[in-house]
């Protein structure tokens, strides 16, 4: 397969909540001298007391990608990481794939979908991603029958050596979508394209 999407490991965020509870001491008797208060060990707290209620709606896993402007209608493979920590690539050039260790489309954060631009056997699912117009509709169907709709805000082509990891993978407060493939000229020596094409999309 000629096209190998270049991605970087997604950095996750962890939020740690700690609390210190101190018991109230009885009021001092003014007629008696103050006594030093004994130091007591803190009582163990139940872990459930520190769990926050969910603040975002549950979102089903994505199963299909549709981009009418490119005549794309593809089931979604679910991808993890390769042994070197990079994002795995789709098995088939005809099928797009969602990076399952990142947010699901419709959840807060950047959902990432990758696809090949071509292969030795012919064009790939994202052959024309670089031509995707501003405002184009991107739909992601989910396992529960729901659909989330995005509109393209920008399409960029960048050298693989300058891949904008922060722009693609950095957490966002709103749901966002990134579509990634290869582009530019083909490096025969390396057997891959020199650039990446990235389409950025926001909720419609």
N, C-alpha and C. Protein backbone atom coordinates (compact mmCIF):
# COMPACT_ATOMS: atom_id res chain seq x y z
N UNK A 1 0.85 -1.19 0.00
CA UNK A 1 0.00 0.00 0.00
C UNK A 1 0.88 1.24 0.00
N UNK A 2 0.66 2.12 -0.95
CA UNK A 2 1.58 3.23 -1.10
C UNK A 2 1.41 4.27 0.00
N UNK A 3 0.19 4.57 0.33
CA UNK A 3 -0.05 5.68 1.24
C UNK A 3 -0.04 5.22 2.67
N UNK A 4 0.75 5.84 3.48
CA UNK A 4 0.82 5.53 4.91
C UNK A 4 0.54 6.80 5.70
N UNK A 5 -0.67 7.04 6.21
CA UNK A 5 -0.95 8.26 6.96
C UNK A 5 0.01 8.39 8.13
N UNK A 6 0.54 9.62 8.26
CA UNK A 6 1.50 9.88 9.33
C UNK A 6 0.78 10.52 10.49
N UNK A 7 0.80 9.89 11.63
CA UNK A 7 0.14 10.46 12.79
C UNK A 7 1.04 10.37 13.98
N UNK A 8 0.69 11.05 15.01
CA UNK A 8 1.48 11.01 16.23
C UNK A 8 0.61 10.50 17.34
N UNK A 9 1.25 10.02 18.38
CA UNK A 9 0.48 9.47 19.50
C UNK A 9 -0.39 10.54 20.11
N UNK A 10 -1.57 10.15 20.41
CA UNK A 10 -2.51 11.09 21.03
C UNK A 10 -2.25 11.19 22.50
N UNK A 11 -2.07 12.43 22.90
CA UNK A 11 -1.84 12.63 24.34
C UNK A 11 -3.16 12.79 25.04
N UNK A 12 -3.41 12.01 26.10
CA UNK A 12 -4.66 12.11 26.86
C UNK A 12 -4.53 13.04 28.04
N UNK A 13 -5.69 13.52 28.58
CA UNK A 13 -5.70 14.35 29.77
C UNK A 13 -6.25 13.57 30.93
N UNK A 14 -5.65 13.69 32.10
CA UNK A 14 -6.19 13.05 33.32
C UNK A 14 -6.47 14.13 34.34
N UNK A 15 -7.65 14.10 34.93
CA UNK A 15 -8.02 15.09 35.95
C UNK A 15 -8.05 14.41 37.31
N UNK A 16 -7.24 14.88 38.22
CA UNK A 16 -7.16 14.26 39.55
C UNK A 16 -7.81 15.17 40.57
N UNK A 17 -8.76 14.62 41.33
CA UNK A 17 -9.48 15.40 42.33
C UNK A 17 -9.06 14.93 43.71
N UNK A 18 -8.60 15.85 44.56
CA UNK A 18 -8.26 15.51 45.95
C UNK A 18 -9.06 16.38 46.88
N UNK A 19 -9.32 15.89 48.10
CA UNK A 19 -10.09 16.66 49.07
C UNK A 19 -9.58 16.39 50.47
N UNK A 20 -9.64 17.40 51.33
CA UNK A 20 -9.24 17.25 52.73
C UNK A 20 -10.38 17.72 53.59
N UNK A 21 -10.91 16.81 54.43
CA UNK A 21 -12.03 17.16 55.28
C UNK A 21 -11.55 17.20 56.73
N UNK A 22 -11.84 18.26 57.42
CA UNK A 22 -11.45 18.37 58.83
C UNK A 22 -12.71 18.50 59.69
N UNK A 23 -12.77 17.75 60.78
CA UNK A 23 -13.92 17.82 61.66
C UNK A 23 -13.93 19.12 62.46
N UNK A 24 -15.11 19.63 62.78
CA UNK A 24 -15.23 20.87 63.56
C UNK A 24 -14.87 20.60 65.02
N UNK A 25 -14.18 21.51 65.65
CA UNK A 25 -13.81 21.38 67.05
C UNK A 25 -14.83 22.14 67.91
N UNK A 26 -15.14 21.64 69.09
CA UNK A 26 -16.09 22.35 69.96
C UNK A 26 -15.51 23.68 70.41
N UNK A 27 -16.40 24.63 70.69
CA UNK A 27 -15.95 25.96 71.12
C UNK A 27 -15.20 25.87 72.44
N UNK A 28 -14.15 26.68 72.61
CA UNK A 28 -13.33 26.66 73.83
C UNK A 28 -14.09 27.31 74.98
N UNK A 29 -13.91 26.77 76.21
CA UNK A 29 -14.51 27.34 77.41
C UNK A 29 -13.61 28.47 77.89
N UNK A 30 -14.14 29.69 77.92
CA UNK A 30 -13.33 30.87 78.26
C UNK A 30 -12.80 30.80 79.68
N UNK A 31 -13.43 29.98 80.59
CA UNK A 31 -13.00 29.92 81.99
C UNK A 31 -11.83 28.97 82.19
N UNK A 32 -11.48 28.22 81.17
CA UNK A 32 -10.40 27.26 81.29
C UNK A 32 -9.30 27.61 80.28
N UNK A 33 -8.05 27.31 80.69
CA UNK A 33 -6.98 27.57 79.73
C UNK A 33 -7.11 26.65 78.53
N UNK A 34 -6.71 27.17 77.39
CA UNK A 34 -6.82 26.39 76.15
C UNK A 34 -5.87 25.21 76.21
N UNK A 35 -6.34 24.09 75.79
CA UNK A 35 -5.51 22.89 75.74
C UNK A 35 -5.14 22.59 74.28
N UNK A 36 -3.94 22.09 74.07
CA UNK A 36 -3.59 21.68 72.71
C UNK A 36 -4.52 20.56 72.26
N UNK A 37 -4.98 20.66 71.04
CA UNK A 37 -5.87 19.64 70.51
C UNK A 37 -5.05 18.45 70.01
N UNK A 38 -5.47 17.24 70.32
CA UNK A 38 -4.72 16.07 69.85
C UNK A 38 -4.79 15.94 68.34
N UNK A 39 -3.71 15.45 67.76
CA UNK A 39 -3.68 15.21 66.31
C UNK A 39 -4.24 13.83 66.04
N UNK A 40 -5.25 13.77 65.19
CA UNK A 40 -5.87 12.48 64.87
C UNK A 40 -5.68 12.17 63.41
N UNK A 41 -5.65 10.90 63.09
CA UNK A 41 -5.50 10.49 61.69
C UNK A 41 -6.78 10.75 60.94
N UNK A 42 -6.64 11.16 59.68
CA UNK A 42 -7.81 11.41 58.84
C UNK A 42 -8.56 10.11 58.60
N UNK A 43 -9.88 10.19 58.60
CA UNK A 43 -10.69 9.01 58.34
C UNK A 43 -10.66 8.68 56.85
N UNK A 44 -10.57 7.40 56.51
CA UNK A 44 -10.59 7.03 55.09
C UNK A 44 -11.93 7.42 54.47
N UNK A 45 -11.88 7.90 53.22
CA UNK A 45 -13.09 8.33 52.52
C UNK A 45 -13.48 7.29 51.48
N UNK A 46 -14.75 7.16 51.25
CA UNK A 46 -15.24 6.25 50.22
C UNK A 46 -14.93 6.86 48.85
N UNK A 47 -14.35 6.06 47.95
CA UNK A 47 -13.93 6.58 46.64
C UNK A 47 -15.10 7.17 45.86
N UNK A 48 -16.29 6.56 46.00
CA UNK A 48 -17.44 7.04 45.23
C UNK A 48 -17.81 8.48 45.58
N UNK A 49 -17.41 8.94 46.78
CA UNK A 49 -17.76 10.30 47.18
C UNK A 49 -17.07 11.34 46.32
N UNK A 50 -16.00 10.93 45.60
CA UNK A 50 -15.25 11.88 44.80
C UNK A 50 -15.54 11.75 43.31
N UNK A 51 -16.45 10.90 42.95
CA UNK A 51 -16.77 10.73 41.54
C UNK A 51 -17.73 11.81 41.08
N UNK A 52 -17.39 12.44 39.95
CA UNK A 52 -18.24 13.49 39.39
C UNK A 52 -19.32 12.86 38.52
N UNK A 53 -20.46 13.52 38.49
CA UNK A 53 -21.52 13.08 37.60
C UNK A 53 -21.09 13.36 36.17
N UNK A 54 -21.57 12.52 35.22
CA UNK A 54 -21.24 12.73 33.81
C UNK A 54 -21.74 14.11 33.37
N UNK A 55 -20.88 14.86 32.70
CA UNK A 55 -21.26 16.21 32.24
C UNK A 55 -21.39 16.26 30.74
N UNK A 56 -21.31 15.11 30.05
CA UNK A 56 -21.47 15.08 28.60
C UNK A 56 -22.36 13.88 28.26
N UNK A 57 -23.10 13.96 27.17
CA UNK A 57 -23.99 12.86 26.82
C UNK A 57 -23.19 11.65 26.35
N UNK A 58 -23.71 10.47 26.63
CA UNK A 58 -23.07 9.27 26.12
C UNK A 58 -23.18 9.26 24.60
N UNK A 59 -22.13 8.85 23.93
CA UNK A 59 -22.10 8.86 22.47
C UNK A 59 -21.73 7.46 21.99
N UNK A 60 -22.52 6.94 21.06
CA UNK A 60 -22.25 5.61 20.53
C UNK A 60 -21.05 5.63 19.59
N UNK A 61 -20.45 4.47 19.40
CA UNK A 61 -19.29 4.36 18.53
C UNK A 61 -19.67 4.63 17.07
N UNK A 62 -18.77 5.24 16.30
CA UNK A 62 -19.06 5.51 14.89
C UNK A 62 -18.96 4.25 14.04
N UNK A 63 -19.83 4.13 13.04
CA UNK A 63 -19.81 2.93 12.19
C UNK A 63 -19.74 3.27 10.70
N UNK A 64 -20.02 4.51 10.34
CA UNK A 64 -20.03 4.84 8.91
C UNK A 64 -19.71 6.32 8.70
N UNK A 65 -18.98 6.61 7.61
CA UNK A 65 -18.63 7.97 7.22
C UNK A 65 -19.25 8.29 5.87
N UNK A 66 -19.88 9.47 5.78
CA UNK A 66 -20.48 9.89 4.51
C UNK A 66 -20.05 11.33 4.20
N UNK A 67 -19.50 11.54 3.01
CA UNK A 67 -19.11 12.87 2.54
C UNK A 67 -19.72 13.05 1.16
N UNK A 68 -20.93 13.60 1.06
CA UNK A 68 -21.61 13.69 -0.24
C UNK A 68 -20.80 14.41 -1.32
N UNK A 69 -20.06 15.46 -0.95
CA UNK A 69 -19.31 16.23 -1.95
C UNK A 69 -18.23 15.40 -2.62
N UNK A 70 -17.77 14.33 -1.98
CA UNK A 70 -16.73 13.47 -2.55
C UNK A 70 -17.26 12.10 -2.94
N UNK A 71 -18.57 11.92 -2.83
CA UNK A 71 -19.20 10.63 -3.10
C UNK A 71 -18.59 9.53 -2.23
N UNK A 72 -18.25 9.88 -0.99
CA UNK A 72 -17.70 8.93 -0.04
C UNK A 72 -18.83 8.38 0.84
N UNK A 73 -18.92 7.08 0.89
CA UNK A 73 -19.87 6.39 1.77
C UNK A 73 -19.18 5.10 2.21
N UNK A 74 -18.59 5.13 3.40
CA UNK A 74 -17.70 4.05 3.82
C UNK A 74 -18.00 3.58 5.22
N UNK A 75 -17.99 2.25 5.44
CA UNK A 75 -18.00 1.77 6.83
C UNK A 75 -16.71 2.22 7.50
N UNK A 76 -16.72 2.29 8.80
CA UNK A 76 -15.55 2.74 9.54
C UNK A 76 -14.89 1.58 10.29
N UNK A 77 -13.64 1.34 9.94
CA UNK A 77 -12.82 0.42 10.71
C UNK A 77 -12.39 1.14 11.99
N UNK A 78 -12.18 0.42 13.07
CA UNK A 78 -11.69 1.01 14.32
C UNK A 78 -10.21 0.68 14.46
N UNK A 79 -9.41 1.73 14.67
CA UNK A 79 -7.96 1.57 14.73
C UNK A 79 -7.41 1.89 16.11
N UNK A 80 -6.35 1.19 16.48
CA UNK A 80 -5.59 1.51 17.69
C UNK A 80 -4.23 2.05 17.30
N UNK A 81 -3.20 1.60 18.02
CA UNK A 81 -1.84 2.03 17.73
C UNK A 81 -0.98 0.87 17.28
N UNK A 82 0.08 1.20 16.55
CA UNK A 82 1.07 0.22 16.15
C UNK A 82 2.10 0.05 17.28
N UNK A 83 2.99 -0.91 17.09
CA UNK A 83 3.98 -1.20 18.13
C UNK A 83 4.86 0.01 18.46
N UNK A 84 5.09 0.88 17.47
CA UNK A 84 5.94 2.05 17.71
C UNK A 84 5.19 3.23 18.32
N UNK A 85 3.89 3.04 18.61
CA UNK A 85 3.10 4.09 19.22
C UNK A 85 2.33 4.94 18.24
N UNK A 86 2.60 4.81 16.96
CA UNK A 86 1.87 5.60 15.96
C UNK A 86 0.50 4.98 15.70
N UNK A 87 -0.38 5.78 15.15
CA UNK A 87 -1.73 5.29 14.84
C UNK A 87 -1.65 4.27 13.71
N UNK A 88 -2.36 3.17 13.87
CA UNK A 88 -2.40 2.15 12.83
C UNK A 88 -3.07 2.72 11.58
N UNK A 89 -2.91 2.02 10.46
CA UNK A 89 -3.49 2.49 9.19
C UNK A 89 -4.59 1.53 8.75
N UNK A 90 -5.54 2.03 7.97
CA UNK A 90 -6.62 1.15 7.50
C UNK A 90 -6.08 -0.04 6.71
N UNK A 91 -6.75 -1.17 6.85
CA UNK A 91 -6.32 -2.38 6.15
C UNK A 91 -6.61 -2.30 4.66
N UNK A 92 -7.69 -1.61 4.31
CA UNK A 92 -8.08 -1.52 2.91
C UNK A 92 -8.07 -0.07 2.45
N UNK A 93 -7.63 0.21 1.21
CA UNK A 93 -7.66 1.58 0.71
C UNK A 93 -9.07 2.10 0.47
N UNK A 94 -10.04 1.19 0.45
CA UNK A 94 -11.42 1.57 0.16
C UNK A 94 -12.23 1.91 1.41
N UNK A 95 -11.64 1.76 2.59
CA UNK A 95 -12.39 1.95 3.84
C UNK A 95 -11.68 2.97 4.72
N UNK A 96 -12.43 3.90 5.27
CA UNK A 96 -11.89 4.88 6.22
C UNK A 96 -11.87 4.24 7.61
N UNK A 97 -11.11 4.85 8.51
CA UNK A 97 -10.97 4.26 9.85
C UNK A 97 -10.93 5.35 10.91
N UNK A 98 -11.56 5.06 12.03
CA UNK A 98 -11.61 5.98 13.17
C UNK A 98 -10.59 5.55 14.21
N UNK A 99 -9.85 6.52 14.76
CA UNK A 99 -8.87 6.24 15.81
C UNK A 99 -9.63 6.08 17.12
N UNK A 100 -9.80 4.84 17.58
CA UNK A 100 -10.70 4.55 18.69
C UNK A 100 -10.15 4.93 20.06
N UNK A 101 -8.88 5.31 20.15
CA UNK A 101 -8.34 5.73 21.44
C UNK A 101 -8.51 7.24 21.64
N UNK A 102 -9.15 7.89 20.70
CA UNK A 102 -9.50 9.30 20.83
C UNK A 102 -10.99 9.46 21.04
N UNK A 103 -11.49 10.70 21.06
CA UNK A 103 -12.92 10.93 21.25
C UNK A 103 -13.76 10.32 20.13
N UNK A 104 -14.98 9.98 20.46
CA UNK A 104 -15.94 9.54 19.45
C UNK A 104 -16.55 10.77 18.78
N UNK A 105 -16.88 10.69 17.50
CA UNK A 105 -17.51 11.83 16.84
C UNK A 105 -18.78 12.26 17.57
N UNK A 106 -18.81 13.52 17.95
CA UNK A 106 -19.93 14.05 18.72
C UNK A 106 -19.59 14.28 20.17
N UNK A 107 -18.52 13.65 20.67
CA UNK A 107 -18.02 13.95 22.01
C UNK A 107 -17.11 15.17 21.94
N UNK A 108 -16.97 15.85 23.07
CA UNK A 108 -16.02 16.95 23.12
C UNK A 108 -14.63 16.43 22.80
N UNK A 109 -13.93 17.14 21.95
CA UNK A 109 -12.58 16.73 21.57
C UNK A 109 -12.48 16.41 20.09
N UNK A 110 -11.26 16.20 19.62
CA UNK A 110 -11.04 15.94 18.19
C UNK A 110 -11.15 14.46 17.83
N UNK A 111 -12.22 14.09 17.17
CA UNK A 111 -12.34 12.74 16.62
C UNK A 111 -11.52 12.69 15.34
N UNK A 112 -10.71 11.65 15.17
CA UNK A 112 -9.81 11.57 14.03
C UNK A 112 -10.18 10.36 13.16
N UNK A 113 -10.37 10.62 11.87
CA UNK A 113 -10.65 9.57 10.90
C UNK A 113 -9.59 9.64 9.81
N UNK A 114 -8.99 8.50 9.51
CA UNK A 114 -7.92 8.46 8.52
C UNK A 114 -8.32 7.56 7.36
N UNK A 115 -7.66 7.77 6.22
CA UNK A 115 -7.92 6.94 5.04
C UNK A 115 -6.80 7.11 4.04
N UNK A 116 -6.64 6.13 3.17
CA UNK A 116 -5.60 6.18 2.15
C UNK A 116 -6.02 7.08 0.99
N UNK A 117 -5.03 7.70 0.37
CA UNK A 117 -5.29 8.50 -0.83
C UNK A 117 -5.30 7.61 -2.07
N UNK A 118 -4.47 6.57 -2.06
CA UNK A 118 -4.46 5.60 -3.15
C UNK A 118 -3.73 4.35 -2.69
N UNK A 119 -3.55 3.43 -3.62
CA UNK A 119 -2.80 2.20 -3.35
C UNK A 119 -2.21 1.72 -4.66
N UNK A 120 -1.49 0.62 -4.61
CA UNK A 120 -0.93 0.07 -5.84
C UNK A 120 -2.02 -0.41 -6.79
N UNK A 121 -3.20 -0.66 -6.24
CA UNK A 121 -4.29 -1.19 -7.05
C UNK A 121 -5.26 -0.12 -7.54
N UNK A 122 -5.10 1.13 -7.08
CA UNK A 122 -6.02 2.16 -7.54
C UNK A 122 -6.27 3.22 -6.48
N UNK A 123 -7.26 4.07 -6.70
CA UNK A 123 -7.53 5.19 -5.79
C UNK A 123 -8.01 4.72 -4.43
N UNK A 124 -7.74 5.56 -3.41
CA UNK A 124 -8.18 5.29 -2.05
C UNK A 124 -9.42 6.08 -1.70
N UNK A 125 -9.96 5.81 -0.51
CA UNK A 125 -11.21 6.43 -0.08
C UNK A 125 -11.09 7.95 0.03
N UNK A 126 -9.88 8.47 0.34
CA UNK A 126 -9.69 9.91 0.49
C UNK A 126 -8.90 10.50 -0.67
N UNK A 127 -9.07 9.95 -1.86
CA UNK A 127 -8.35 10.42 -3.04
C UNK A 127 -8.52 11.93 -3.25
N UNK A 128 -9.74 12.44 -3.07
CA UNK A 128 -10.03 13.85 -3.36
C UNK A 128 -10.21 14.70 -2.11
N UNK A 129 -9.66 14.25 -0.98
CA UNK A 129 -9.83 15.01 0.26
C UNK A 129 -9.28 16.43 0.14
N UNK A 130 -8.20 16.61 -0.59
CA UNK A 130 -7.59 17.94 -0.74
C UNK A 130 -8.53 18.91 -1.46
N UNK A 131 -9.50 18.39 -2.20
CA UNK A 131 -10.43 19.23 -2.96
C UNK A 131 -11.75 19.47 -2.21
N UNK A 132 -11.84 18.99 -0.98
CA UNK A 132 -13.08 19.15 -0.22
C UNK A 132 -13.34 20.63 0.03
N UNK A 133 -14.47 21.17 -0.42
CA UNK A 133 -14.71 22.61 -0.30
C UNK A 133 -15.08 23.04 1.12
N UNK A 134 -14.82 24.28 1.39
CA UNK A 134 -15.21 24.87 2.68
C UNK A 134 -16.72 24.78 2.83
N UNK A 135 -17.18 24.34 3.99
CA UNK A 135 -18.61 24.21 4.24
C UNK A 135 -19.19 22.88 3.83
N UNK A 136 -18.39 21.99 3.25
CA UNK A 136 -18.90 20.68 2.84
C UNK A 136 -19.40 19.89 4.06
N UNK A 137 -20.43 19.13 3.86
CA UNK A 137 -21.05 18.35 4.93
C UNK A 137 -20.34 17.00 5.08
N UNK A 138 -20.07 16.65 6.33
CA UNK A 138 -19.51 15.33 6.66
C UNK A 138 -20.42 14.71 7.71
N UNK A 139 -20.92 13.52 7.43
CA UNK A 139 -21.83 12.85 8.35
C UNK A 139 -21.18 11.57 8.89
N UNK A 140 -21.36 11.35 10.18
CA UNK A 140 -20.87 10.13 10.81
C UNK A 140 -22.05 9.42 11.44
N UNK A 141 -22.34 8.23 10.96
CA UNK A 141 -23.41 7.41 11.53
C UNK A 141 -22.85 6.59 12.69
N UNK A 142 -23.68 6.40 13.73
CA UNK A 142 -23.21 5.73 14.93
C UNK A 142 -24.00 4.45 15.19
N UNK A 143 -23.45 3.63 16.07
CA UNK A 143 -23.99 2.30 16.30
C UNK A 143 -25.42 2.29 16.82
N UNK A 144 -25.85 3.38 17.46
CA UNK A 144 -27.21 3.43 18.00
C UNK A 144 -28.22 3.98 16.99
N UNK A 145 -27.78 4.19 15.74
CA UNK A 145 -28.68 4.70 14.71
C UNK A 145 -28.69 6.21 14.58
N UNK A 146 -27.98 6.91 15.45
CA UNK A 146 -27.91 8.37 15.38
C UNK A 146 -26.84 8.80 14.37
N UNK A 147 -26.91 10.06 13.97
CA UNK A 147 -25.95 10.63 13.03
C UNK A 147 -25.50 11.99 13.54
N UNK A 148 -24.22 12.26 13.49
CA UNK A 148 -23.69 13.57 13.84
C UNK A 148 -23.16 14.21 12.56
N UNK A 149 -23.47 15.49 12.38
CA UNK A 149 -23.12 16.20 11.15
C UNK A 149 -22.10 17.30 11.43
N UNK A 150 -21.09 17.37 10.58
CA UNK A 150 -20.05 18.38 10.67
C UNK A 150 -19.99 19.15 9.35
N UNK A 151 -19.38 20.34 9.42
CA UNK A 151 -19.08 21.10 8.20
C UNK A 151 -17.60 21.44 8.17
N UNK A 152 -17.01 21.32 7.00
CA UNK A 152 -15.59 21.55 6.85
C UNK A 152 -15.27 23.03 7.02
N UNK A 153 -14.29 23.32 7.87
CA UNK A 153 -13.87 24.71 8.11
C UNK A 153 -12.54 25.04 7.44
N UNK A 154 -11.73 24.00 7.17
CA UNK A 154 -10.41 24.26 6.58
C UNK A 154 -9.83 22.95 6.08
N UNK A 155 -9.08 23.04 4.98
CA UNK A 155 -8.32 21.90 4.48
C UNK A 155 -6.88 22.36 4.30
N UNK A 156 -5.95 21.64 4.91
CA UNK A 156 -4.53 22.02 4.85
C UNK A 156 -3.69 20.88 4.31
N UNK A 157 -2.59 21.25 3.65
CA UNK A 157 -1.59 20.27 3.24
C UNK A 157 -0.28 20.64 3.91
N UNK A 158 0.29 19.71 4.65
CA UNK A 158 1.51 19.99 5.41
C UNK A 158 2.52 18.88 5.17
N UNK A 159 3.80 19.23 5.28
CA UNK A 159 4.85 18.22 5.16
C UNK A 159 4.76 17.25 6.34
N UNK A 160 5.01 15.98 6.08
CA UNK A 160 4.95 15.00 7.15
C UNK A 160 5.96 15.31 8.25
N UNK A 161 7.05 15.96 7.86
CA UNK A 161 8.07 16.33 8.85
C UNK A 161 7.61 17.48 9.74
N UNK A 162 6.51 18.14 9.36
CA UNK A 162 5.98 19.26 10.14
C UNK A 162 4.53 19.02 10.52
N UNK A 163 4.18 17.78 10.73
CA UNK A 163 2.78 17.44 11.05
C UNK A 163 2.31 18.21 12.28
N UNK A 164 1.18 18.93 12.18
CA UNK A 164 0.70 19.76 13.31
C UNK A 164 -0.02 18.94 14.36
N UNK A 165 0.73 18.20 15.13
CA UNK A 165 0.15 17.28 16.12
C UNK A 165 -0.83 17.99 17.05
N UNK A 166 -0.45 19.17 17.55
CA UNK A 166 -1.32 19.88 18.49
C UNK A 166 -2.65 20.26 17.85
N UNK A 167 -2.62 20.71 16.59
CA UNK A 167 -3.85 21.12 15.93
C UNK A 167 -4.78 19.94 15.67
N UNK A 168 -4.20 18.79 15.43
CA UNK A 168 -5.01 17.62 15.10
C UNK A 168 -5.51 16.89 16.34
N UNK A 169 -4.64 16.73 17.33
CA UNK A 169 -4.96 15.87 18.46
C UNK A 169 -5.22 16.58 19.78
N UNK A 170 -4.86 17.86 19.89
CA UNK A 170 -5.02 18.54 21.17
C UNK A 170 -6.50 18.59 21.57
N UNK A 171 -6.82 18.42 22.85
CA UNK A 171 -8.21 18.43 23.30
C UNK A 171 -8.92 19.74 22.98
N UNK A 172 -10.21 19.64 22.69
CA UNK A 172 -11.05 20.81 22.45
C UNK A 172 -12.29 20.70 23.33
N UNK A 173 -12.88 21.82 23.67
CA UNK A 173 -14.08 21.81 24.51
C UNK A 173 -15.31 21.39 23.72
N UNK A 174 -15.29 21.63 22.42
CA UNK A 174 -16.43 21.28 21.57
C UNK A 174 -16.08 20.05 20.72
N UNK A 175 -17.10 19.34 20.26
CA UNK A 175 -16.83 18.22 19.34
C UNK A 175 -16.22 18.75 18.05
N UNK A 176 -15.17 18.12 17.57
CA UNK A 176 -14.55 18.48 16.30
C UNK A 176 -14.18 17.19 15.56
N UNK A 177 -13.88 17.34 14.28
CA UNK A 177 -13.55 16.19 13.45
C UNK A 177 -12.34 16.53 12.60
N UNK A 178 -11.41 15.58 12.48
CA UNK A 178 -10.25 15.73 11.60
C UNK A 178 -10.21 14.52 10.67
N UNK A 179 -10.09 14.80 9.37
CA UNK A 179 -9.93 13.76 8.36
C UNK A 179 -8.51 13.85 7.84
N UNK A 180 -7.79 12.75 7.83
CA UNK A 180 -6.36 12.78 7.50
C UNK A 180 -6.02 11.75 6.43
N UNK A 181 -5.23 12.19 5.44
CA UNK A 181 -4.72 11.27 4.42
C UNK A 181 -3.36 11.76 3.97
N UNK A 182 -2.81 11.12 2.95
CA UNK A 182 -1.51 11.54 2.40
C UNK A 182 -1.73 12.48 1.22
N UNK A 183 -0.66 13.19 0.84
CA UNK A 183 -0.76 14.11 -0.28
C UNK A 183 0.60 14.57 -0.74
N UNK A 184 0.59 15.49 -1.70
CA UNK A 184 1.84 16.00 -2.24
C UNK A 184 2.48 15.01 -3.19
N UNK A 185 3.77 15.14 -3.37
CA UNK A 185 4.49 14.27 -4.30
C UNK A 185 4.85 12.95 -3.62
N UNK A 186 5.08 11.93 -4.44
CA UNK A 186 5.40 10.60 -3.92
C UNK A 186 6.90 10.40 -3.87
N UNK A 187 7.40 9.95 -2.74
CA UNK A 187 8.81 9.68 -2.54
C UNK A 187 9.07 8.21 -2.87
N UNK A 188 9.64 7.96 -4.05
CA UNK A 188 9.87 6.58 -4.47
C UNK A 188 10.83 5.84 -3.54
N UNK A 189 11.79 6.58 -3.00
CA UNK A 189 12.78 5.95 -2.12
C UNK A 189 12.13 5.42 -0.84
N UNK A 190 11.29 6.24 -0.24
CA UNK A 190 10.63 5.86 1.00
C UNK A 190 9.35 5.05 0.77
N UNK A 191 8.81 5.15 -0.43
CA UNK A 191 7.57 4.43 -0.72
C UNK A 191 6.36 5.06 -0.07
N UNK A 192 6.37 6.39 0.11
CA UNK A 192 5.24 7.08 0.72
C UNK A 192 5.19 8.52 0.22
N UNK A 193 4.05 9.16 0.47
CA UNK A 193 3.92 10.57 0.09
C UNK A 193 4.65 11.46 1.09
N UNK A 194 5.05 12.63 0.60
CA UNK A 194 5.84 13.54 1.43
C UNK A 194 4.97 14.40 2.36
N UNK A 195 3.69 14.53 2.04
CA UNK A 195 2.82 15.44 2.80
C UNK A 195 1.62 14.71 3.38
N UNK A 196 0.90 15.41 4.23
CA UNK A 196 -0.41 14.99 4.71
C UNK A 196 -1.44 16.04 4.34
N UNK A 197 -2.64 15.58 4.04
CA UNK A 197 -3.79 16.46 3.84
C UNK A 197 -4.70 16.29 5.04
N UNK A 198 -5.09 17.41 5.64
CA UNK A 198 -5.93 17.39 6.85
C UNK A 198 -7.15 18.27 6.64
N UNK A 199 -8.32 17.69 6.79
CA UNK A 199 -9.56 18.48 6.73
C UNK A 199 -10.07 18.65 8.16
N UNK A 200 -10.34 19.89 8.53
CA UNK A 200 -10.87 20.22 9.85
C UNK A 200 -12.36 20.49 9.72
N UNK A 201 -13.15 19.98 10.64
CA UNK A 201 -14.59 20.16 10.58
C UNK A 201 -15.16 20.41 11.97
N UNK A 202 -16.23 21.22 12.00
CA UNK A 202 -16.91 21.56 13.25
C UNK A 202 -18.37 21.15 13.15
N UNK A 203 -19.06 21.02 14.28
CA UNK A 203 -20.47 20.62 14.24
C UNK A 203 -21.31 21.54 13.38
N UNK A 204 -22.19 20.97 12.60
CA UNK A 204 -23.04 21.78 11.71
C UNK A 204 -24.15 22.46 12.50
